[in-house]
Amino acid sequence: LGEHTKNLTKFVRWEMEQALKLDLPIIIVNLNKSREVDNKLMPPILREELTINIPFNEKIMQYALENWPYSHDYYKKEGKTGGYTYKDFVYTNLGL
């Protein structure tokens, strides 16, 4: 997710639509390295969707790839939506 993502091309939007249609876990990687949900850059199609938002960093990206699918399934069953972030202790445990 970067400055130009909010001005999506039709192919990027199509990929998002397909991920949502297939109920795939969505990991938003913030190119500005923010650990927070960046609503200023968030494409409208994802603003209310269940996502995890992480900074552009190899360790946290690997962590999210390994762990978010399970959390996504759990939150979906609970009826949760919106952008999630990892707590500080996750970053600390990863040495970040």
PDB file of N, CA and C in Angstrom:
ATOM      1  N   LEU A   1       0.858  -1.169   0.000  1.00  0.00           N
ATOM      2  CA  LEU A   1       0.000   0.000   0.000  1.00  0.00           C
ATOM      3  C   LEU A   1       0.896   1.221   0.000  1.00  0.00           C
ATOM      4  N   GLY A   2       0.802   1.985  -1.043  1.00  0.00           N
ATOM      5  CA  GLY A   2       1.632   3.176  -1.160  1.00  0.00           C
ATOM      6  C   GLY A   2       0.845   4.353  -1.700  1.00  0.00           C
ATOM      7  N   GLU A   3       1.550   5.413  -1.956  1.00  0.00           N
ATOM      8  CA  GLU A   3       0.932   6.642  -2.446  1.00  0.00           C
ATOM      9  C   GLU A   3       0.063   6.444  -3.679  1.00  0.00           C
ATOM     10  N   HIS A   4       0.458   5.541  -4.562  1.00  0.00           N
ATOM     11  CA  HIS A   4      -0.257   5.383  -5.823  1.00  0.00           C
ATOM     12  C   HIS A   4      -1.352   4.305  -5.776  1.00  0.00           C
ATOM     13  N   THR A   5      -1.414   3.552  -4.689  1.00  0.00           N
ATOM     14  CA  THR A   5      -2.409   2.490  -4.601  1.00  0.00           C
ATOM     15  C   THR A   5      -3.827   3.045  -4.579  1.00  0.00           C
ATOM     16  N   LYS A   6      -3.979   4.218  -3.989  1.00  0.00           N
ATOM     17  CA  LYS A   6      -5.329   4.795  -3.937  1.00  0.00           C
ATOM     18  C   LYS A   6      -5.840   5.160  -5.329  1.00  0.00           C
ATOM     19  N   ASN A   7      -4.932   5.287  -6.295  1.00  0.00           N
ATOM     20  CA  ASN A   7      -5.293   5.542  -7.683  1.00  0.00           C
ATOM     21  C   ASN A   7      -5.121   4.250  -8.479  1.00  0.00           C
ATOM     22  N   LEU A   8      -5.848   3.248  -8.087  1.00  0.00           N
ATOM     23  CA  LEU A   8      -5.666   1.899  -8.605  1.00  0.00           C
ATOM     24  C   LEU A   8      -5.890   1.773 -10.103  1.00  0.00           C
ATOM     25  N   THR A   9      -5.111   0.891 -10.689  1.00  0.00           N
ATOM     26  CA  THR A   9      -5.405   0.500 -12.060  1.00  0.00           C
ATOM     27  C   THR A   9      -6.483  -0.570 -11.992  1.00  0.00           C
ATOM     28  N   LYS A  10      -7.104  -0.844 -13.095  1.00  0.00           N
ATOM     29  CA  LYS A  10      -8.186  -1.831 -13.075  1.00  0.00           C
ATOM     30  C   LYS A  10      -7.691  -3.216 -12.687  1.00  0.00           C
ATOM     31  N   PHE A  11      -6.427  -3.536 -12.949  1.00  0.00           N
ATOM     32  CA  PHE A  11      -5.921  -4.865 -12.625  1.00  0.00           C
ATOM     33  C   PHE A  11      -5.712  -5.048 -11.127  1.00  0.00           C
ATOM     34  N   VAL A  12      -5.205  -4.029 -10.446  1.00  0.00           N
ATOM     35  CA  VAL A  12      -5.013  -4.114  -8.999  1.00  0.00           C
ATOM     36  C   VAL A  12      -6.375  -4.213  -8.310  1.00  0.00           C
ATOM     37  N   ARG A  13      -7.319  -3.417  -8.750  1.00  0.00           N
ATOM     38  CA  ARG A  13      -8.664  -3.478  -8.169  1.00  0.00           C
ATOM     39  C   ARG A  13      -9.286  -4.852  -8.412  1.00  0.00           C
ATOM     40  N   TRP A  14      -9.091  -5.394  -9.618  1.00  0.00           N
ATOM     41  CA  TRP A  14      -9.627  -6.718  -9.925  1.00  0.00           C
ATOM     42  C   TRP A  14      -9.031  -7.756  -8.968  1.00  0.00           C
ATOM     43  N   GLU A  15      -7.742  -7.667  -8.698  1.00  0.00           N
ATOM     44  CA  GLU A  15      -7.102  -8.605  -7.765  1.00  0.00           C
ATOM     45  C   GLU A  15      -7.719  -8.489  -6.379  1.00  0.00           C
ATOM     46  N   MET A  16      -7.971  -7.282  -5.923  1.00  0.00           N
ATOM     47  CA  MET A  16      -8.610  -7.082  -4.617  1.00  0.00           C
ATOM     48  C   MET A  16     -10.014  -7.668  -4.609  1.00  0.00           C
ATOM     49  N   GLU A  17     -10.766  -7.417  -5.666  1.00  0.00           N
ATOM     50  CA  GLU A  17     -12.125  -7.949  -5.757  1.00  0.00           C
ATOM     51  C   GLU A  17     -12.112  -9.480  -5.713  1.00  0.00           C
ATOM     52  N   GLN A  18     -11.175 -10.099  -6.403  1.00  0.00           N
ATOM     53  CA  GLN A  18     -11.091 -11.549  -6.422  1.00  0.00           C
ATOM     54  C   GLN A  18     -10.704 -12.098  -5.054  1.00  0.00           C
ATOM     55  N   ALA A  19      -9.760 -11.446  -4.384  1.00  0.00           N
ATOM     56  CA  ALA A  19      -9.361 -11.875  -3.039  1.00  0.00           C
ATOM     57  C   ALA A  19     -10.547 -11.811  -2.084  1.00  0.00           C
ATOM     58  N   LEU A  20     -11.335 -10.746  -2.183  1.00  0.00           N
ATOM     59  CA  LEU A  20     -12.519 -10.614  -1.334  1.00  0.00           C
ATOM     60  C   LEU A  20     -13.567 -11.664  -1.693  1.00  0.00           C
ATOM     61  N   LYS A  21     -13.777 -11.867  -2.968  1.00  0.00           N
ATOM     62  CA  LYS A  21     -14.763 -12.848  -3.427  1.00  0.00           C
ATOM     63  C   LYS A  21     -14.408 -14.258  -2.942  1.00  0.00           C
ATOM     64  N   LEU A  22     -13.105 -14.571  -2.948  1.00  0.00           N
ATOM     65  CA  LEU A  22     -12.634 -15.886  -2.522  1.00  0.00           C
ATOM     66  C   LEU A  22     -12.402 -15.971  -1.015  1.00  0.00           C
ATOM     67  N   ASP A  23     -12.658 -14.858  -0.310  1.00  0.00           N
ATOM     68  CA  ASP A  23     -12.481 -14.779   1.137  1.00  0.00           C
ATOM     69  C   ASP A  23     -11.048 -15.128   1.550  1.00  0.00           C
ATOM     70  N   LEU A  24     -10.087 -14.615   0.794  1.00  0.00           N
ATOM     71  CA  LEU A  24      -8.679 -14.840   1.107  1.00  0.00           C
ATOM     72  C   LEU A  24      -8.219 -13.880   2.201  1.00  0.00           C
ATOM     73  N   PRO A  25      -7.321 -14.313   3.069  1.00  0.00           N
ATOM     74  CA  PRO A  25      -6.754 -13.399   4.067  1.00  0.00           C
ATOM     75  C   PRO A  25      -5.956 -12.303   3.357  1.00  0.00           C
ATOM     76  N   ILE A  26      -6.186 -11.060   3.729  1.00  0.00           N
ATOM     77  CA  ILE A  26      -5.517  -9.937   3.079  1.00  0.00           C
ATOM     78  C   ILE A  26      -4.524  -9.303   4.038  1.00  0.00           C
ATOM     79  N   ILE A  27      -3.276  -9.256   3.588  1.00  0.00           N
ATOM     80  CA  ILE A  27      -2.199  -8.609   4.334  1.00  0.00           C
ATOM     81  C   ILE A  27      -1.857  -7.324   3.599  1.00  0.00           C
ATOM     82  N   ILE A  28      -2.021  -6.211   4.275  1.00  0.00           N
ATOM     83  CA  ILE A  28      -1.683  -4.917   3.684  1.00  0.00           C
ATOM     84  C   ILE A  28      -0.301  -4.531   4.185  1.00  0.00           C
ATOM     85  N   VAL A  29       0.616  -4.387   3.250  1.00  0.00           N
ATOM     86  CA  VAL A  29       1.989  -4.008   3.576  1.00  0.00           C
ATOM     87  C   VAL A  29       2.135  -2.519   3.279  1.00  0.00           C
ATOM     88  N   ASN A  30       2.362  -1.746   4.327  1.00  0.00           N
ATOM     89  CA  ASN A  30       2.510  -0.302   4.193  1.00  0.00           C
ATOM     90  C   ASN A  30       3.926   0.036   3.750  1.00  0.00           C
ATOM     91  N   LEU A  31       4.038   0.561   2.545  1.00  0.00           N
ATOM     92  CA  LEU A  31       5.351   0.923   2.016  1.00  0.00           C
ATOM     93  C   LEU A  31       5.987   2.065   2.804  1.00  0.00           C
ATOM     94  N   ASN A  32       5.167   2.858   3.503  1.00  0.00           N
ATOM     95  CA  ASN A  32       5.706   3.940   4.330  1.00  0.00           C
ATOM     96  C   ASN A  32       6.173   3.424   5.692  1.00  0.00           C
ATOM     97  N   LYS A  33       6.134   2.102   5.870  1.00  0.00           N
ATOM     98  CA  LYS A  33       6.602   1.398   7.069  1.00  0.00           C
ATOM     99  C   LYS A  33       5.774   1.662   8.324  1.00  0.00           C
ATOM    100  N   SER A  34       4.564   2.150   8.144  1.00  0.00           N
ATOM    101  CA  SER A  34       3.672   2.375   9.273  1.00  0.00           C
ATOM    102  C   SER A  34       3.155   1.045   9.797  1.00  0.00           C
ATOM    103  N   ARG A  35       3.030   0.953  11.105  1.00  0.00           N
ATOM    104  CA  ARG A  35       2.458  -0.231  11.750  1.00  0.00           C
ATOM    105  C   ARG A  35       0.948  -0.099  11.918  1.00  0.00           C
ATOM    106  N   GLU A  36       0.414   1.010  11.531  1.00  0.00           N
ATOM    107  CA  GLU A  36      -0.998   1.319  11.731  1.00  0.00           C
ATOM    108  C   GLU A  36      -1.798   1.191  10.438  1.00  0.00           C
ATOM    109  N   VAL A  37      -3.115   1.209  10.576  1.00  0.00           N
ATOM    110  CA  VAL A  37      -4.003   1.289   9.419  1.00  0.00           C
ATOM    111  C   VAL A  37      -3.883   2.710   8.893  1.00  0.00           C
ATOM    112  N   ASP A  38      -3.540   2.859   7.637  1.00  0.00           N
ATOM    113  CA  ASP A  38      -3.371   4.189   7.037  1.00  0.00           C
ATOM    114  C   ASP A  38      -4.577   4.479   6.146  1.00  0.00           C
ATOM    115  N   ASN A  39      -5.642   5.014   6.746  1.00  0.00           N
ATOM    116  CA  ASN A  39      -6.883   5.262   6.003  1.00  0.00           C
ATOM    117  C   ASN A  39      -6.710   6.283   4.887  1.00  0.00           C
ATOM    118  N   LYS A  40      -5.702   7.125   5.001  1.00  0.00           N
ATOM    119  CA  LYS A  40      -5.439   8.118   3.957  1.00  0.00           C
ATOM    120  C   LYS A  40      -5.030   7.416   2.655  1.00  0.00           C
ATOM    121  N   LEU A  41      -4.338   6.284   2.762  1.00  0.00           N
ATOM    122  CA  LEU A  41      -3.870   5.561   1.585  1.00  0.00           C
ATOM    123  C   LEU A  41      -4.721   4.341   1.240  1.00  0.00           C
ATOM    124  N   MET A  42      -5.580   3.938   2.154  1.00  0.00           N
ATOM    125  CA  MET A  42      -6.359   2.715   1.979  1.00  0.00           C
ATOM    126  C   MET A  42      -7.356   2.848   0.824  1.00  0.00           C
ATOM    127  N   PRO A  43      -7.308   1.917  -0.118  1.00  0.00           N
ATOM    128  CA  PRO A  43      -8.320   1.935  -1.181  1.00  0.00           C
ATOM    129  C   PRO A  43      -9.715   1.741  -0.573  1.00  0.00           C
ATOM    130  N   PRO A  44     -10.695   2.473  -1.044  1.00  0.00           N
ATOM    131  CA  PRO A  44     -12.050   2.365  -0.477  1.00  0.00           C
ATOM    132  C   PRO A  44     -12.576   0.935  -0.435  1.00  0.00           C
ATOM    133  N   ILE A  45     -12.231   0.126  -1.412  1.00  0.00           N
ATOM    134  CA  ILE A  45     -12.733  -1.249  -1.468  1.00  0.00           C
ATOM    135  C   ILE A  45     -12.297  -2.081  -0.259  1.00  0.00           C
ATOM    136  N   LEU A  46     -11.203  -1.674   0.413  1.00  0.00           N
ATOM    137  CA  LEU A  46     -10.680  -2.452   1.545  1.00  0.00           C
ATOM    138  C   LEU A  46     -10.942  -1.808   2.906  1.00  0.00           C
ATOM    139  N   ARG A  47     -11.492  -0.628   2.941  1.00  0.00           N
ATOM    140  CA  ARG A  47     -11.620   0.108   4.207  1.00  0.00           C
ATOM    141  C   ARG A  47     -12.421  -0.622   5.276  1.00  0.00           C
ATOM    142  N   GLU A  48     -13.436  -1.342   4.893  1.00  0.00           N
ATOM    143  CA  GLU A  48     -14.281  -2.044   5.864  1.00  0.00           C
ATOM    144  C   GLU A  48     -14.011  -3.546   5.893  1.00  0.00           C
ATOM    145  N   GLU A  49     -13.044  -3.985   5.129  1.00  0.00           N
ATOM    146  CA  GLU A  49     -12.755  -5.423   5.034  1.00  0.00           C
ATOM    147  C   GLU A  49     -11.775  -5.871   6.111  1.00  0.00           C
ATOM    148  N   LEU A  50     -11.809  -7.146   6.419  1.00  0.00           N
ATOM    149  CA  LEU A  50     -10.907  -7.737   7.394  1.00  0.00           C
ATOM    150  C   LEU A  50      -9.505  -7.834   6.797  1.00  0.00           C
ATOM    151  N   THR A  51      -8.570  -7.091   7.382  1.00  0.00           N
ATOM    152  CA  THR A  51      -7.190  -7.075   6.905  1.00  0.00           C
ATOM    153  C   THR A  51      -6.234  -6.990   8.091  1.00  0.00           C
ATOM    154  N   ILE A  52      -4.988  -7.331   7.860  1.00  0.00           N
ATOM    155  CA  ILE A  52      -3.916  -7.035   8.809  1.00  0.00           C
ATOM    156  C   ILE A  52      -3.017  -6.025   8.113  1.00  0.00           C
ATOM    157  N   ASN A  53      -2.602  -5.011   8.845  1.00  0.00           N
ATOM    158  CA  ASN A  53      -1.790  -3.926   8.301  1.00  0.00           C
ATOM    159  C   ASN A  53      -0.419  -3.958   8.958  1.00  0.00           C
ATOM    160  N   ILE A  54       0.612  -4.071   8.143  1.00  0.00           N
ATOM    161  CA  ILE A  54       1.972  -4.206   8.649  1.00  0.00           C
ATOM    162  C   ILE A  54       2.915  -3.292   7.864  1.00  0.00           C
ATOM    163  N   PRO A  55       4.087  -2.987   8.453  1.00  0.00           N
ATOM    164  CA  PRO A  55       5.071  -2.205   7.703  1.00  0.00           C
ATOM    165  C   PRO A  55       5.835  -3.091   6.717  1.00  0.00           C
ATOM    166  N   PHE A  56       6.442  -2.452   5.741  1.00  0.00           N
ATOM    167  CA  PHE A  56       7.282  -3.150   4.779  1.00  0.00           C
ATOM    168  C   PHE A  56       8.562  -3.554   5.495  1.00  0.00           C
ATOM    169  N   ASN A  57       8.622  -4.820   5.929  1.00  0.00           N
ATOM    170  CA  ASN A  57       9.768  -5.371   6.649  1.00  0.00           C
ATOM    171  C   ASN A  57       9.703  -6.887   6.521  1.00  0.00           C
ATOM    172  N   GLU A  58      10.807  -7.495   6.177  1.00  0.00           N
ATOM    173  CA  GLU A  58      10.828  -8.931   5.909  1.00  0.00           C
ATOM    174  C   GLU A  58      10.350  -9.778   7.087  1.00  0.00           C
ATOM    175  N   LYS A  59      10.776  -9.465   8.304  1.00  0.00           N
ATOM    176  CA  LYS A  59      10.412 -10.295   9.463  1.00  0.00           C
ATOM    177  C   LYS A  59       8.912 -10.261   9.752  1.00  0.00           C
ATOM    178  N   ILE A  60       8.333  -9.080   9.749  1.00  0.00           N
ATOM    179  CA  ILE A  60       6.898  -9.003  10.054  1.00  0.00           C
ATOM    180  C   ILE A  60       6.076  -9.519   8.880  1.00  0.00           C
ATOM    181  N   MET A  61       6.589  -9.383   7.667  1.00  0.00           N
ATOM    182  CA  MET A  61       5.877  -9.937   6.515  1.00  0.00           C
ATOM    183  C   MET A  61       5.837 -11.461   6.614  1.00  0.00           C
ATOM    184  N   GLN A  62       6.937 -12.084   6.977  1.00  0.00           N
ATOM    185  CA  GLN A  62       6.973 -13.542   7.138  1.00  0.00           C
ATOM    186  C   GLN A  62       6.050 -13.972   8.266  1.00  0.00           C
ATOM    187  N   TYR A  63       6.075 -13.225   9.372  1.00  0.00           N
ATOM    188  CA  TYR A  63       5.198 -13.516  10.509  1.00  0.00           C
ATOM    189  C   TYR A  63       3.736 -13.477  10.076  1.00  0.00           C
ATOM    190  N   ALA A  64       3.372 -12.438   9.337  1.00  0.00           N
ATOM    191  CA  ALA A  64       1.979 -12.293   8.886  1.00  0.00           C
ATOM    192  C   ALA A  64       1.589 -13.422   7.936  1.00  0.00           C
ATOM    193  N   LEU A  65       2.474 -13.777   7.036  1.00  0.00           N
ATOM    194  CA  LEU A  65       2.182 -14.883   6.112  1.00  0.00           C
ATOM    195  C   LEU A  65       1.932 -16.187   6.858  1.00  0.00           C
ATOM    196  N   GLU A  66       2.654 -16.397   7.937  1.00  0.00           N
ATOM    197  CA  GLU A  66       2.516 -17.630   8.723  1.00  0.00           C
ATOM    198  C   GLU A  66       1.338 -17.600   9.686  1.00  0.00           C
ATOM    199  N   ASN A  67       0.946 -16.416  10.147  1.00  0.00           N
ATOM    200  CA  ASN A  67      -0.040 -16.335  11.221  1.00  0.00           C
ATOM    201  C   ASN A  67      -1.380 -15.704  10.856  1.00  0.00           C
ATOM    202  N   TRP A  68      -1.400 -14.766   9.925  1.00  0.00           N
ATOM    203  CA  TRP A  68      -2.657 -14.084   9.624  1.00  0.00           C
ATOM    204  C   TRP A  68      -3.749 -15.009   9.081  1.00  0.00           C
ATOM    205  N   PRO A  69      -3.449 -16.005   8.267  1.00  0.00           N
ATOM    206  CA  PRO A  69      -4.546 -16.861   7.786  1.00  0.00           C
ATOM    207  C   PRO A  69      -5.365 -17.487   8.914  1.00  0.00           C
ATOM    208  N   TYR A  70      -4.706 -17.892   9.991  1.00  0.00           N
ATOM    209  CA  TYR A  70      -5.434 -18.480  11.125  1.00  0.00           C
ATOM    210  C   TYR A  70      -6.257 -17.413  11.855  1.00  0.00           C
ATOM    211  N   SER A  71      -5.659 -16.251  12.057  1.00  0.00           N
ATOM    212  CA  SER A  71      -6.383 -15.158  12.713  1.00  0.00           C
ATOM    213  C   SER A  71      -7.558 -14.707  11.849  1.00  0.00           C
ATOM    214  N   HIS A  72      -7.335 -14.626  10.559  1.00  0.00           N
ATOM    215  CA  HIS A  72      -8.392 -14.238   9.617  1.00  0.00           C
ATOM    216  C   HIS A  72      -9.592 -15.178   9.757  1.00  0.00           C
ATOM    217  N   ASP A  73      -9.334 -16.482   9.759  1.00  0.00           N
ATOM    218  CA  ASP A  73     -10.419 -17.457   9.893  1.00  0.00           C
ATOM    219  C   ASP A  73     -11.160 -17.275  11.214  1.00  0.00           C
ATOM    220  N   TYR A  74     -10.414 -17.065  12.292  1.00  0.00           N
ATOM    221  CA  TYR A  74     -11.017 -16.883  13.605  1.00  0.00           C
ATOM    222  C   TYR A  74     -11.890 -15.629  13.629  1.00  0.00           C
ATOM    223  N   TYR A  75     -11.338 -14.502  13.165  1.00  0.00           N
ATOM    224  CA  TYR A  75     -12.086 -13.247  13.173  1.00  0.00           C
ATOM    225  C   TYR A  75     -13.319 -13.323  12.268  1.00  0.00           C
ATOM    226  N   LYS A  76     -13.200 -14.002  11.147  1.00  0.00           N
ATOM    227  CA  LYS A  76     -14.348 -14.163  10.236  1.00  0.00           C
ATOM    228  C   LYS A  76     -15.480 -14.908  10.943  1.00  0.00           C
ATOM    229  N   LYS A  77     -15.125 -15.988  11.646  1.00  0.00           N
ATOM    230  CA  LYS A  77     -16.137 -16.761  12.371  1.00  0.00           C
ATOM    231  C   LYS A  77     -16.807 -15.930  13.456  1.00  0.00           C
ATOM    232  N   GLU A  78     -16.055 -14.968  14.011  1.00  0.00           N
ATOM    233  CA  GLU A  78     -16.587 -14.077  15.047  1.00  0.00           C
ATOM    234  C   GLU A  78     -17.365 -12.901  14.444  1.00  0.00           C
ATOM    235  N   GLY A  79     -17.366 -12.795  13.116  1.00  0.00           N
ATOM    236  CA  GLY A  79     -18.081 -11.713  12.448  1.00  0.00           C
ATOM    237  C   GLY A  79     -17.343 -10.378  12.464  1.00  0.00           C
ATOM    238  N   LYS A  80     -16.037 -10.408  12.708  1.00  0.00           N
ATOM    239  CA  LYS A  80     -15.235  -9.185  12.785  1.00  0.00           C
ATOM    240  C   LYS A  80     -14.891  -8.677  11.389  1.00  0.00           C
ATOM    241  N   THR A  81     -14.722  -7.372  11.284  1.00  0.00           N
ATOM    242  CA  THR A  81     -14.301  -6.727  10.036  1.00  0.00           C
ATOM    243  C   THR A  81     -13.330  -5.602  10.393  1.00  0.00           C
ATOM    244  N   GLY A  82     -12.779  -4.970   9.369  1.00  0.00           N
ATOM    245  CA  GLY A  82     -11.916  -3.818   9.578  1.00  0.00           C
ATOM    246  C   GLY A  82     -10.443  -4.177   9.586  1.00  0.00           C
ATOM    247  N   GLY A  83      -9.639  -3.138   9.693  1.00  0.00           N
ATOM    248  CA  GLY A  83      -8.197  -3.304   9.662  1.00  0.00           C
ATOM    249  C   GLY A  83      -7.631  -3.601  11.033  1.00  0.00           C
ATOM    250  N   TYR A  84      -6.839  -4.640  11.105  1.00  0.00           N
ATOM    251  CA  TYR A  84      -6.176  -5.022  12.343  1.00  0.00           C
ATOM    252  C   TYR A  84      -4.695  -4.696  12.244  1.00  0.00           C
ATOM    253  N   THR A  85      -4.043  -4.585  13.396  1.00  0.00           N
ATOM    254  CA  THR A  85      -2.601  -4.395  13.487  1.00  0.00           C
ATOM    255  C   THR A  85      -2.068  -5.330  14.565  1.00  0.00           C
ATOM    256  N   TYR A  86      -0.793  -5.636  14.473  1.00  0.00           N
ATOM    257  CA  TYR A  86      -0.170  -6.448  15.516  1.00  0.00           C
ATOM    258  C   TYR A  86       0.234  -5.557  16.683  1.00  0.00           C
ATOM    259  N   LYS A  87       0.156  -6.104  17.872  1.00  0.00           N
ATOM    260  CA  LYS A  87       0.548  -5.381  19.082  1.00  0.00           C
ATOM    261  C   LYS A  87       2.071  -5.241  19.130  1.00  0.00           C
ATOM    262  N   ASP A  88       2.533  -4.290  19.915  1.00  0.00           N
ATOM    263  CA  ASP A  88       3.969  -4.005  20.004  1.00  0.00           C
ATOM    264  C   ASP A  88       4.798  -5.222  20.399  1.00  0.00           C
ATOM    265  N   PHE A  89       4.255  -6.109  21.252  1.00  0.00           N
ATOM    266  CA  PHE A  89       5.047  -7.249  21.695  1.00  0.00           C
ATOM    267  C   PHE A  89       5.401  -8.182  20.535  1.00  0.00           C
ATOM    268  N   VAL A  90       4.592  -8.237  19.502  1.00  0.00           N
ATOM    269  CA  VAL A  90       4.906  -9.056  18.334  1.00  0.00           C
ATOM    270  C   VAL A  90       6.174  -8.524  17.669  1.00  0.00           C
ATOM    271  N   TYR A  91       6.238  -7.209  17.507  1.00  0.00           N
ATOM    272  CA  TYR A  91       7.413  -6.587  16.911  1.00  0.00           C
ATOM    273  C   TYR A  91       8.646  -6.766  17.801  1.00  0.00           C
ATOM    274  N   THR A  92       8.443  -6.628  19.107  1.00  0.00           N
ATOM    275  CA  THR A  92       9.552  -6.815  20.047  1.00  0.00           C
ATOM    276  C   THR A  92      10.087  -8.236  19.972  1.00  0.00           C
ATOM    277  N   ASN A  93       9.187  -9.209  19.944  1.00  0.00           N
ATOM    278  CA  ASN A  93       9.612 -10.613  19.859  1.00  0.00           C
ATOM    279  C   ASN A  93      10.342 -10.923  18.559  1.00  0.00           C
ATOM    280  N   LEU A  94      10.067 -10.153  17.516  1.00  0.00           N
ATOM    281  CA  LEU A  94      10.744 -10.336  16.229  1.00  0.00           C
ATOM    282  C   LEU A  94      12.033  -9.515  16.138  1.00  0.00           C
ATOM    283  N   GLY A  95      12.338  -8.776  17.203  1.00  0.00           N
ATOM    284  CA  GLY A  95      13.537  -7.941  17.213  1.00  0.00           C
ATOM    285  C   GLY A  95      13.389  -6.668  16.421  1.00  0.00           C
ATOM    286  N   LEU A  96      12.152  -6.203  16.287  1.00  0.00           N
ATOM    287  CA  LEU A  96      11.890  -4.982  15.513  1.00  0.00           C
ATOM    288  C   LEU A  96      11.540  -3.803  16.430  1.00  0.00           C
TER     289      LEU A  96
END
